[in-house]
C-alpha cells in the first residue's frame, strides 16, 4: 500500500492544487488554503500535506514558498528547492 491509499481528503485537495501550479511560478500555503476553501489557520496543515506529497518530479512541492517569498521547509533540501526554482525561472525567461 502506498501513501496515496491512506491519504486524507484534505491532503488530496492540497496535492490537486500542487499539480496545477504552472512551471516557473510559486504560491504560498495561504494561497492553497484559499484555493481549497480552508481557513487561513490551516496553513500548517497545508505545509504538512505538501511535505507528505510524492517526490518533486511528480508533485512540484518546491513551488510552495513562505509568505513574503521566503523559502520554507521542504522534505528535500532548501538548497535543492532554490535550484529548481532558479532553473524554472531561467527557462521561463528564455521562452
PDB file of N, CA and C in Angstrom:
ATOM      1  N   UNK A   1       0.852  -1.167   0.000  1.00  0.00           N
ATOM      2  CA  UNK A   1       0.000   0.000   0.000  1.00  0.00           C
ATOM      3  C   UNK A   1       0.904   1.238   0.000  1.00  0.00           C
ATOM      4  N   UNK A   2       0.649   2.184  -0.893  1.00  0.00           N
ATOM      5  CA  UNK A   2       1.457   3.403  -0.916  1.00  0.00           C
ATOM      6  C   UNK A   2       0.723   4.528  -0.195  1.00  0.00           C
ATOM      7  N   UNK A   3       1.399   5.673  -0.031  1.00  0.00           N
ATOM      8  CA  UNK A   3       0.837   6.810   0.684  1.00  0.00           C
ATOM      9  C   UNK A   3      -0.445   7.332   0.079  1.00  0.00           C
ATOM     10  N   UNK A   4      -0.614   7.164  -1.228  1.00  0.00           N
ATOM     11  CA  UNK A   4      -1.830   7.636  -1.891  1.00  0.00           C
ATOM     12  C   UNK A   4      -3.054   6.908  -1.358  1.00  0.00           C
ATOM     13  N   UNK A   5      -2.877   5.637  -0.961  1.00  0.00           N
ATOM     14  CA  UNK A   5      -4.001   4.840  -0.500  1.00  0.00           C
ATOM     15  C   UNK A   5      -4.504   5.254   0.878  1.00  0.00           C
ATOM     16  N   UNK A   6      -3.643   5.878   1.686  1.00  0.00           N
ATOM     17  CA  UNK A   6      -4.025   6.210   3.054  1.00  0.00           C
ATOM     18  C   UNK A   6      -4.086   7.717   3.296  1.00  0.00           C
ATOM     19  N   UNK A   7      -4.046   8.500   2.249  1.00  0.00           N
ATOM     20  CA  UNK A   7      -4.069   9.953   2.406  1.00  0.00           C
ATOM     21  C   UNK A   7      -5.476  10.442   2.748  1.00  0.00           C
ATOM     22  N   UNK A   8      -5.516  11.596   3.393  1.00  0.00           N
ATOM     23  CA  UNK A   8      -6.807  12.181   3.765  1.00  0.00           C
ATOM     24  C   UNK A   8      -7.383  12.984   2.596  1.00  0.00           C
ATOM     25  N   UNK A   9      -8.654  13.305   2.711  1.00  0.00           N
ATOM     26  CA  UNK A   9      -9.297  14.153   1.700  1.00  0.00           C
ATOM     27  C   UNK A   9      -8.596  15.509   1.637  1.00  0.00           C
ATOM     28  N   UNK A  10      -8.205  16.037   2.799  1.00  0.00           N
ATOM     29  CA  UNK A  10      -7.510  17.324   2.856  1.00  0.00           C
ATOM     30  C   UNK A  10      -6.196  17.242   2.076  1.00  0.00           C
ATOM     31  N   UNK A  11      -5.414  16.185   2.314  1.00  0.00           N
ATOM     32  CA  UNK A  11      -4.159  16.020   1.575  1.00  0.00           C
ATOM     33  C   UNK A  11      -4.419  15.940   0.077  1.00  0.00           C
ATOM     34  N   UNK A  12      -5.425  15.202  -0.315  1.00  0.00           N
ATOM     35  CA  UNK A  12      -5.751  15.072  -1.735  1.00  0.00           C
ATOM     36  C   UNK A  12      -6.087  16.430  -2.347  1.00  0.00           C
ATOM     37  N   UNK A  13      -6.816  17.265  -1.615  1.00  0.00           N
ATOM     38  CA  UNK A  13      -7.146  18.599  -2.114  1.00  0.00           C
ATOM     39  C   UNK A  13      -5.879  19.433  -2.302  1.00  0.00           C
ATOM     40  N   UNK A  14      -4.980  19.379  -1.321  1.00  0.00           N
ATOM     41  CA  UNK A  14      -3.729  20.134  -1.410  1.00  0.00           C
ATOM     42  C   UNK A  14      -2.908  19.632  -2.590  1.00  0.00           C
ATOM     43  N   UNK A  15      -2.807  18.323  -2.736  1.00  0.00           N
ATOM     44  CA  UNK A  15      -1.997  17.750  -3.816  1.00  0.00           C
ATOM     45  C   UNK A  15      -2.573  18.091  -5.187  1.00  0.00           C
ATOM     46  N   UNK A  16      -3.883  18.151  -5.275  1.00  0.00           N
ATOM     47  CA  UNK A  16      -4.509  18.541  -6.542  1.00  0.00           C
ATOM     48  C   UNK A  16      -4.097  19.962  -6.919  1.00  0.00           C
ATOM     49  N   UNK A  17      -4.075  20.852  -5.940  1.00  0.00           N
ATOM     50  CA  UNK A  17      -3.626  22.224  -6.210  1.00  0.00           C
ATOM     51  C   UNK A  17      -2.159  22.207  -6.631  1.00  0.00           C
ATOM     52  N   UNK A  18      -1.320  21.451  -5.934  1.00  0.00           N
ATOM     53  CA  UNK A  18       0.101  21.379  -6.294  1.00  0.00           C
ATOM     54  C   UNK A  18       0.287  20.990  -7.753  1.00  0.00           C
ATOM     55  N   UNK A  19      -0.503  20.064  -8.206  1.00  0.00           N
ATOM     56  CA  UNK A  19      -0.367  19.562  -9.577  1.00  0.00           C
ATOM     57  C   UNK A  19      -0.785  20.582 -10.626  1.00  0.00           C
ATOM     58  N   UNK A  20      -1.423  21.674 -10.193  1.00  0.00           N
ATOM     59  CA  UNK A  20      -1.874  22.685 -11.150  1.00  0.00           C
ATOM     60  C   UNK A  20      -1.008  23.946 -11.144  1.00  0.00           C
ATOM     61  N   UNK A  21       0.007  23.998 -10.295  1.00  0.00           N
ATOM     62  CA  UNK A  21       0.859  25.191 -10.229  1.00  0.00           C
ATOM     63  C   UNK A  21       1.716  25.232 -11.486  1.00  0.00           C
ATOM     64  N   UNK A  22       1.585  26.277 -12.278  1.00  0.00           N
ATOM     65  CA  UNK A  22       2.333  26.337 -13.531  1.00  0.00           C
ATOM     66  C   UNK A  22       3.848  26.377 -13.325  1.00  0.00           C
ATOM     67  N   UNK A  23       4.546  25.798 -14.267  1.00  0.00           N
ATOM     68  CA  UNK A  23       6.006  25.806 -14.287  1.00  0.00           C
ATOM     69  C   UNK A  23       6.495  27.245 -14.174  1.00  0.00           C
ATOM     70  N   UNK A  24       7.473  27.466 -13.316  1.00  0.00           N
ATOM     71  CA  UNK A  24       8.067  28.782 -13.183  1.00  0.00           C
ATOM     72  C   UNK A  24       7.304  29.738 -12.292  1.00  0.00           C
ATOM     73  N   UNK A  25       6.266  29.270 -11.619  1.00  0.00           N
ATOM     74  CA  UNK A  25       5.512  30.124 -10.712  1.00  0.00           C
ATOM     75  C   UNK A  25       5.508  29.507  -9.318  1.00  0.00           C
ATOM     76  N   UNK A  26       5.161  30.314  -8.343  1.00  0.00           N
ATOM     77  CA  UNK A  26       5.091  29.833  -6.968  1.00  0.00           C
ATOM     78  C   UNK A  26       3.778  30.275  -6.338  1.00  0.00           C
ATOM     79  N   UNK A  27       3.462  29.672  -5.210  1.00  0.00           N
ATOM     80  CA  UNK A  27       2.340  30.099  -4.412  1.00  0.00           C
ATOM     81  C   UNK A  27       2.655  29.788  -2.961  1.00  0.00           C
ATOM     82  N   UNK A  28       1.904  30.356  -2.054  1.00  0.00           N
ATOM     83  CA  UNK A  28       2.128  30.138  -0.631  1.00  0.00           C
ATOM     84  C   UNK A  28       1.112  29.140  -0.090  1.00  0.00           C
ATOM     85  N   UNK A  29       1.372  28.678   1.130  1.00  0.00           N
ATOM     86  CA  UNK A  29       0.398  27.799   1.785  1.00  0.00           C
ATOM     87  C   UNK A  29      -0.930  28.529   1.959  1.00  0.00           C
ATOM     88  N   UNK A  30      -0.865  29.842   2.204  1.00  0.00           N
ATOM     89  CA  UNK A  30      -2.093  30.634   2.304  1.00  0.00           C
ATOM     90  C   UNK A  30      -2.868  30.654   1.005  1.00  0.00           C
ATOM     91  N   UNK A  31      -2.141  30.708  -0.117  1.00  0.00           N
ATOM     92  CA  UNK A  31      -2.811  30.642  -1.425  1.00  0.00           C
ATOM     93  C   UNK A  31      -3.545  29.310  -1.576  1.00  0.00           C
ATOM     94  N   UNK A  32      -2.912  28.254  -1.094  1.00  0.00           N
ATOM     95  CA  UNK A  32      -3.538  26.923  -1.201  1.00  0.00           C
ATOM     96  C   UNK A  32      -4.778  26.854  -0.330  1.00  0.00           C
ATOM     97  N   UNK A  33      -4.711  27.403   0.887  1.00  0.00           N
ATOM     98  CA  UNK A  33      -5.917  27.384   1.728  1.00  0.00           C
ATOM     99  C   UNK A  33      -7.062  28.101   1.030  1.00  0.00           C
ATOM    100  N   UNK A  34      -6.757  29.216   0.357  1.00  0.00           N
ATOM    101  CA  UNK A  34      -7.793  29.937  -0.391  1.00  0.00           C
ATOM    102  C   UNK A  34      -8.376  29.064  -1.496  1.00  0.00           C
ATOM    103  N   UNK A  35      -7.509  28.390  -2.232  1.00  0.00           N
ATOM    104  CA  UNK A  35      -7.964  27.585  -3.369  1.00  0.00           C
ATOM    105  C   UNK A  35      -8.838  26.403  -2.952  1.00  0.00           C
ATOM    106  N   UNK A  36      -8.568  25.838  -1.769  1.00  0.00           N
ATOM    107  CA  UNK A  36      -9.354  24.675  -1.342  1.00  0.00           C
ATOM    108  C   UNK A  36     -10.477  25.052  -0.372  1.00  0.00           C
ATOM    109  N   UNK A  37     -10.583  26.352  -0.071  1.00  0.00           N
ATOM    110  CA  UNK A  37     -11.656  26.809   0.808  1.00  0.00           C
ATOM    111  C   UNK A  37     -11.431  26.483   2.274  1.00  0.00           C
ATOM    112  N   UNK A  38     -10.184  26.316   2.669  1.00  0.00           N
ATOM    113  CA  UNK A  38      -9.861  26.042   4.069  1.00  0.00           C
ATOM    114  C   UNK A  38      -9.601  27.360   4.798  1.00  0.00           C
ATOM    115  N   UNK A  39      -9.767  27.371   6.111  1.00  0.00           N
ATOM    116  CA  UNK A  39      -9.473  28.599   6.854  1.00  0.00           C
ATOM    117  C   UNK A  39      -7.972  28.901   6.828  1.00  0.00           C
ATOM    118  N   UNK A  40      -7.620  30.181   6.960  1.00  0.00           N
ATOM    119  CA  UNK A  40      -6.205  30.582   6.961  1.00  0.00           C
ATOM    120  C   UNK A  40      -5.414  29.838   8.035  1.00  0.00           C
ATOM    121  N   UNK A  41      -6.075  29.472   9.128  1.00  0.00           N
ATOM    122  CA  UNK A  41      -5.405  28.762  10.214  1.00  0.00           C
ATOM    123  C   UNK A  41      -4.890  27.385   9.778  1.00  0.00           C
ATOM    124  N   UNK A  42      -5.291  26.938   8.610  1.00  0.00           N
ATOM    125  CA  UNK A  42      -4.890  25.614   8.121  1.00  0.00           C
ATOM    126  C   UNK A  42      -3.553  25.628   7.385  1.00  0.00           C
ATOM    127  N   UNK A  43      -2.835  26.761   7.401  1.00  0.00           N
ATOM    128  CA  UNK A  43      -1.585  26.820   6.633  1.00  0.00           C
ATOM    129  C   UNK A  43      -0.566  25.784   7.087  1.00  0.00           C
ATOM    130  N   UNK A  44      -0.509  25.486   8.368  1.00  0.00           N
ATOM    131  CA  UNK A  44       0.431  24.454   8.837  1.00  0.00           C
ATOM    132  C   UNK A  44       0.025  23.069   8.346  1.00  0.00           C
ATOM    133  N   UNK A  45      -1.266  22.821   8.319  1.00  0.00           N
ATOM    134  CA  UNK A  45      -1.753  21.540   7.799  1.00  0.00           C
ATOM    135  C   UNK A  45      -1.439  21.434   6.312  1.00  0.00           C
ATOM    136  N   UNK A  46      -1.537  22.554   5.595  1.00  0.00           N
ATOM    137  CA  UNK A  46      -1.163  22.573   4.180  1.00  0.00           C
ATOM    138  C   UNK A  46       0.314  22.230   4.051  1.00  0.00           C
ATOM    139  N   UNK A  47       1.148  22.847   4.881  1.00  0.00           N
ATOM    140  CA  UNK A  47       2.582  22.558   4.851  1.00  0.00           C
ATOM    141  C   UNK A  47       2.868  21.085   5.098  1.00  0.00           C
ATOM    142  N   UNK A  48       2.150  20.493   6.034  1.00  0.00           N
ATOM    143  CA  UNK A  48       2.335  19.073   6.315  1.00  0.00           C
ATOM    144  C   UNK A  48       1.912  18.217   5.121  1.00  0.00           C
ATOM    145  N   UNK A  49       0.824  18.605   4.471  1.00  0.00           N
ATOM    146  CA  UNK A  49       0.362  17.857   3.293  1.00  0.00           C
ATOM    147  C   UNK A  49       1.350  17.989   2.146  1.00  0.00           C
ATOM    148  N   UNK A  50       1.901  19.187   1.976  1.00  0.00           N
ATOM    149  CA  UNK A  50       2.915  19.393   0.931  1.00  0.00           C
ATOM    150  C   UNK A  50       4.121  18.508   1.221  1.00  0.00           C
ATOM    151  N   UNK A  51       4.541  18.472   2.481  1.00  0.00           N
ATOM    152  CA  UNK A  51       5.682  17.648   2.867  1.00  0.00           C
ATOM    153  C   UNK A  51       5.450  16.162   2.696  1.00  0.00           C
ATOM    154  N   UNK A  52       4.198  15.748   2.741  1.00  0.00           N
ATOM    155  CA  UNK A  52       3.864  14.326   2.602  1.00  0.00           C
ATOM    156  C   UNK A  52       3.595  13.925   1.153  1.00  0.00           C
ATOM    157  N   UNK A  53       3.743  14.865   0.229  1.00  0.00           N
ATOM    158  CA  UNK A  53       3.430  14.559  -1.171  1.00  0.00           C
ATOM    159  C   UNK A  53       4.517  13.712  -1.816  1.00  0.00           C
ATOM    160  N   UNK A  54       4.211  13.249  -2.999  1.00  0.00           N
ATOM    161  CA  UNK A  54       5.158  12.454  -3.766  1.00  0.00           C
ATOM    162  C   UNK A  54       6.382  13.281  -4.125  1.00  0.00           C
ATOM    163  N   UNK A  55       7.438  12.648  -4.596  1.00  0.00           N
ATOM    164  CA  UNK A  55       8.668  13.378  -4.944  1.00  0.00           C
ATOM    165  C   UNK A  55       8.435  14.529  -5.919  1.00  0.00           C
ATOM    166  N   UNK A  56       9.385  15.451  -5.931  1.00  0.00           N
ATOM    167  CA  UNK A  56       9.297  16.676  -6.739  1.00  0.00           C
ATOM    168  C   UNK A  56       8.929  16.441  -8.193  1.00  0.00           C
ATOM    169  N   UNK A  57       9.373  15.359  -8.749  1.00  0.00           N
ATOM    170  CA  UNK A  57       9.109  15.099 -10.163  1.00  0.00           C
ATOM    171  C   UNK A  57       7.622  14.877 -10.400  1.00  0.00           C
ATOM    172  N   UNK A  58       6.942  14.321  -9.412  1.00  0.00           N
ATOM    173  CA  UNK A  58       5.518  14.024  -9.551  1.00  0.00           C
ATOM    174  C   UNK A  58       4.659  15.213  -9.144  1.00  0.00           C
ATOM    175  N   UNK A  59       4.963  15.800  -7.984  1.00  0.00           N
ATOM    176  CA  UNK A  59       4.231  16.976  -7.498  1.00  0.00           C
ATOM    177  C   UNK A  59       5.242  18.061  -7.173  1.00  0.00           C
ATOM    178  N   UNK A  60       5.096  19.227  -7.769  1.00  0.00           N
ATOM    179  CA  UNK A  60       6.095  20.286  -7.607  1.00  0.00           C
ATOM    180  C   UNK A  60       6.000  21.019  -6.272  1.00  0.00           C
ATOM    181  N   UNK A  61       6.287  20.316  -5.171  1.00  0.00           N
ATOM    182  CA  UNK A  61       6.180  20.946  -3.858  1.00  0.00           C
ATOM    183  C   UNK A  61       7.200  22.071  -3.676  1.00  0.00           C
ATOM    184  N   UNK A  62       8.239  22.088  -4.504  1.00  0.00           N
ATOM    185  CA  UNK A  62       9.228  23.167  -4.406  1.00  0.00           C
ATOM    186  C   UNK A  62       8.630  24.517  -4.793  1.00  0.00           C
ATOM    187  N   UNK A  63       7.480  24.522  -5.438  1.00  0.00           N
ATOM    188  CA  UNK A  63       6.851  25.780  -5.857  1.00  0.00           C
ATOM    189  C   UNK A  63       6.037  26.432  -4.741  1.00  0.00           C
ATOM    190  N   UNK A  64       5.935  25.776  -3.592  1.00  0.00           N
ATOM    191  CA  UNK A  64       5.237  26.365  -2.449  1.00  0.00           C
ATOM    192  C   UNK A  64       6.280  27.061  -1.577  1.00  0.00           C
ATOM    193  N   UNK A  65       6.096  28.370  -1.405  1.00  0.00           N
ATOM    194  CA  UNK A  65       7.042  29.167  -0.638  1.00  0.00           C
ATOM    195  C   UNK A  65       6.328  29.813   0.535  1.00  0.00           C
ATOM    196  N   UNK A  66       7.103  30.369   1.432  1.00  0.00           N
ATOM    197  CA  UNK A  66       6.528  31.036   2.586  1.00  0.00           C
ATOM    198  C   UNK A  66       5.977  32.398   2.224  1.00  0.00           C
ATOM    199  N   UNK A  67       5.163  32.937   3.127  1.00  0.00           N
ATOM    200  CA  UNK A  67       4.647  34.287   2.899  1.00  0.00           C
ATOM    201  C   UNK A  67       5.834  35.236   2.837  1.00  0.00           C
ATOM    202  N   UNK A  68       5.731  36.232   2.031  1.00  0.00           N
ATOM    203  CA  UNK A  68       6.833  37.168   1.842  1.00  0.00           C
ATOM    204  C   UNK A  68       7.895  36.660   0.885  1.00  0.00           C
ATOM    205  N   UNK A  69       7.664  35.494   0.281  1.00  0.00           N
ATOM    206  CA  UNK A  69       8.573  34.967  -0.725  1.00  0.00           C
ATOM    207  C   UNK A  69       9.765  34.194  -0.197  1.00  0.00           C
ATOM    208  N   UNK A  70       9.819  33.955   1.096  1.00  0.00           N
ATOM    209  CA  UNK A  70      10.975  33.226   1.626  1.00  0.00           C
ATOM    210  C   UNK A  70      10.810  31.719   1.435  1.00  0.00           C
ATOM    211  N   UNK A  71      11.935  31.033   1.324  1.00  0.00           N
ATOM    212  CA  UNK A  71      11.893  29.580   1.220  1.00  0.00           C
ATOM    213  C   UNK A  71      11.571  29.006   2.588  1.00  0.00           C
ATOM    214  N   UNK A  72      10.736  28.015   2.591  1.00  0.00           N
ATOM    215  CA  UNK A  72      10.369  27.357   3.843  1.00  0.00           C
ATOM    216  C   UNK A  72      10.577  25.869   3.699  1.00  0.00           C
ATOM    217  N   UNK A  73      10.413  25.180   4.797  1.00  0.00           N
ATOM    218  CA  UNK A  73      10.653  23.753   4.881  1.00  0.00           C
ATOM    219  C   UNK A  73      10.268  22.945   3.666  1.00  0.00           C
ATOM    220  N   UNK A  74      11.100  22.015   3.408  1.00  0.00           N
ATOM    221  CA  UNK A  74      10.885  21.112   2.279  1.00  0.00           C
ATOM    222  C   UNK A  74      11.413  19.759   2.719  1.00  0.00           C
ATOM    223  N   UNK A  75      10.686  18.704   2.412  1.00  0.00           N
ATOM    224  CA  UNK A  75      11.136  17.372   2.798  1.00  0.00           C
ATOM    225  C   UNK A  75      12.500  17.086   2.184  1.00  0.00           C
ATOM    226  N   UNK A  76      12.760  17.702   1.075  1.00  0.00           N
ATOM    227  CA  UNK A  76      14.066  17.606   0.442  1.00  0.00           C
ATOM    228  C   UNK A  76      14.879  18.783   0.989  1.00  0.00           C
ATOM    229  N   UNK A  77      15.898  19.238   0.375  1.00  0.00           N
ATOM    230  CA  UNK A  77      16.676  20.343   0.934  1.00  0.00           C
ATOM    231  C   UNK A  77      16.235  21.692   0.384  1.00  0.00           C
ATOM    232  N   UNK A  78      16.428  22.733   1.190  1.00  0.00           N
ATOM    233  CA  UNK A  78      16.101  24.082   0.722  1.00  0.00           C
ATOM    234  C   UNK A  78      17.012  24.481  -0.427  1.00  0.00           C
ATOM    235  N   UNK A  79      18.242  23.994  -0.396  1.00  0.00           N
ATOM    236  CA  UNK A  79      19.170  24.289  -1.496  1.00  0.00           C
ATOM    237  C   UNK A  79      18.639  23.712  -2.805  1.00  0.00           C
ATOM    238  N   UNK A  80      18.158  22.491  -2.773  1.00  0.00           N
ATOM    239  CA  UNK A  80      17.596  21.856  -3.970  1.00  0.00           C
ATOM    240  C   UNK A  80      16.351  22.613  -4.431  1.00  0.00           C
ATOM    241  N   UNK A  81      15.541  23.039  -3.469  1.00  0.00           N
ATOM    242  CA  UNK A  81      14.333  23.796  -3.787  1.00  0.00           C
ATOM    243  C   UNK A  81      14.712  25.070  -4.540  1.00  0.00           C
ATOM    244  N   UNK A  82      15.715  25.797  -4.049  1.00  0.00           N
ATOM    245  CA  UNK A  82      16.154  27.022  -4.699  1.00  0.00           C
ATOM    246  C   UNK A  82      16.704  26.743  -6.091  1.00  0.00           C
ATOM    247  N   UNK A  83      17.449  25.649  -6.232  1.00  0.00           N
ATOM    248  CA  UNK A  83      17.994  25.292  -7.552  1.00  0.00           C
ATOM    249  C   UNK A  83      16.872  25.053  -8.553  1.00  0.00           C
ATOM    250  N   UNK A  84      15.849  24.352  -8.140  1.00  0.00           N
ATOM    251  CA  UNK A  84      14.727  24.074  -9.043  1.00  0.00           C
ATOM    252  C   UNK A  84      13.970  25.346  -9.405  1.00  0.00           C
ATOM    253  N   UNK A  85      13.745  26.207  -8.423  1.00  0.00           N
ATOM    254  CA  UNK A  85      13.064  27.475  -8.708  1.00  0.00           C
ATOM    255  C   UNK A  85      13.886  28.341  -9.652  1.00  0.00           C
ATOM    256  N   UNK A  86      15.206  28.377  -9.435  1.00  0.00           N
ATOM    257  CA  UNK A  86      16.087  29.152 -10.323  1.00  0.00           C
ATOM    258  C   UNK A  86      16.057  28.606 -11.743  1.00  0.00           C
ATOM    259  N   UNK A  87      16.107  27.283 -11.870  1.00  0.00           N
ATOM    260  CA  UNK A  87      16.058  26.649 -13.190  1.00  0.00           C
ATOM    261  C   UNK A  87      14.760  26.997 -13.908  1.00  0.00           C
ATOM    262  N   UNK A  88      13.646  26.882 -13.214  1.00  0.00           N
ATOM    263  CA  UNK A  88      12.362  27.190 -13.824  1.00  0.00           C
ATOM    264  C   UNK A  88      12.279  28.666 -14.231  1.00  0.00           C
ATOM    265  N   UNK A  89      12.811  29.542 -13.409  1.00  0.00           N
ATOM    266  CA  UNK A  89      12.794  30.971 -13.733  1.00  0.00           C
ATOM    267  C   UNK A  89      13.638  31.234 -14.981  1.00  0.00           C
ATOM    268  N   UNK A  90      14.807  30.607 -15.068  1.00  0.00           N
ATOM    269  CA  UNK A  90      15.667  30.781 -16.239  1.00  0.00           C
ATOM    270  C   UNK A  90      14.966  30.309 -17.511  1.00  0.00           C
ATOM    271  N   UNK A  91      14.327  29.159 -17.444  1.00  0.00           N
ATOM    272  CA  UNK A  91      13.628  28.607 -18.606  1.00  0.00           C
ATOM    273  C   UNK A  91      12.445  29.501 -18.976  1.00  0.00           C
ATOM    274  N   UNK A  92      11.710  29.973 -17.970  1.00  0.00           N
ATOM    275  CA  UNK A  92      10.551  30.840 -18.231  1.00  0.00           C
ATOM    276  C   UNK A  92      10.991  32.140 -18.901  1.00  0.00           C
ATOM    277  N   UNK A  93      12.086  32.722 -18.420  1.00  0.00           N
ATOM    278  CA  UNK A  93      12.556  33.978 -19.004  1.00  0.00           C
ATOM    279  C   UNK A  93      13.111  33.776 -20.427  1.00  0.00           C
ATOM    280  N   UNK A  94      13.646  32.612 -20.701  1.00  0.00           N
ATOM    281  CA  UNK A  94      14.213  32.345 -22.030  1.00  0.00           C
ATOM    282  C   UNK A  94      13.121  32.081 -23.068  1.00  0.00           C
ATOM    283  N   UNK A  95      11.941  31.724 -22.592  1.00  0.00           N
ATOM    284  CA  UNK A  95      10.836  31.379 -23.509  1.00  0.00           C
ATOM    285  C   UNK A  95      10.247  32.599 -24.177  1.00  0.00           C
TER     286      UNK A  95
END
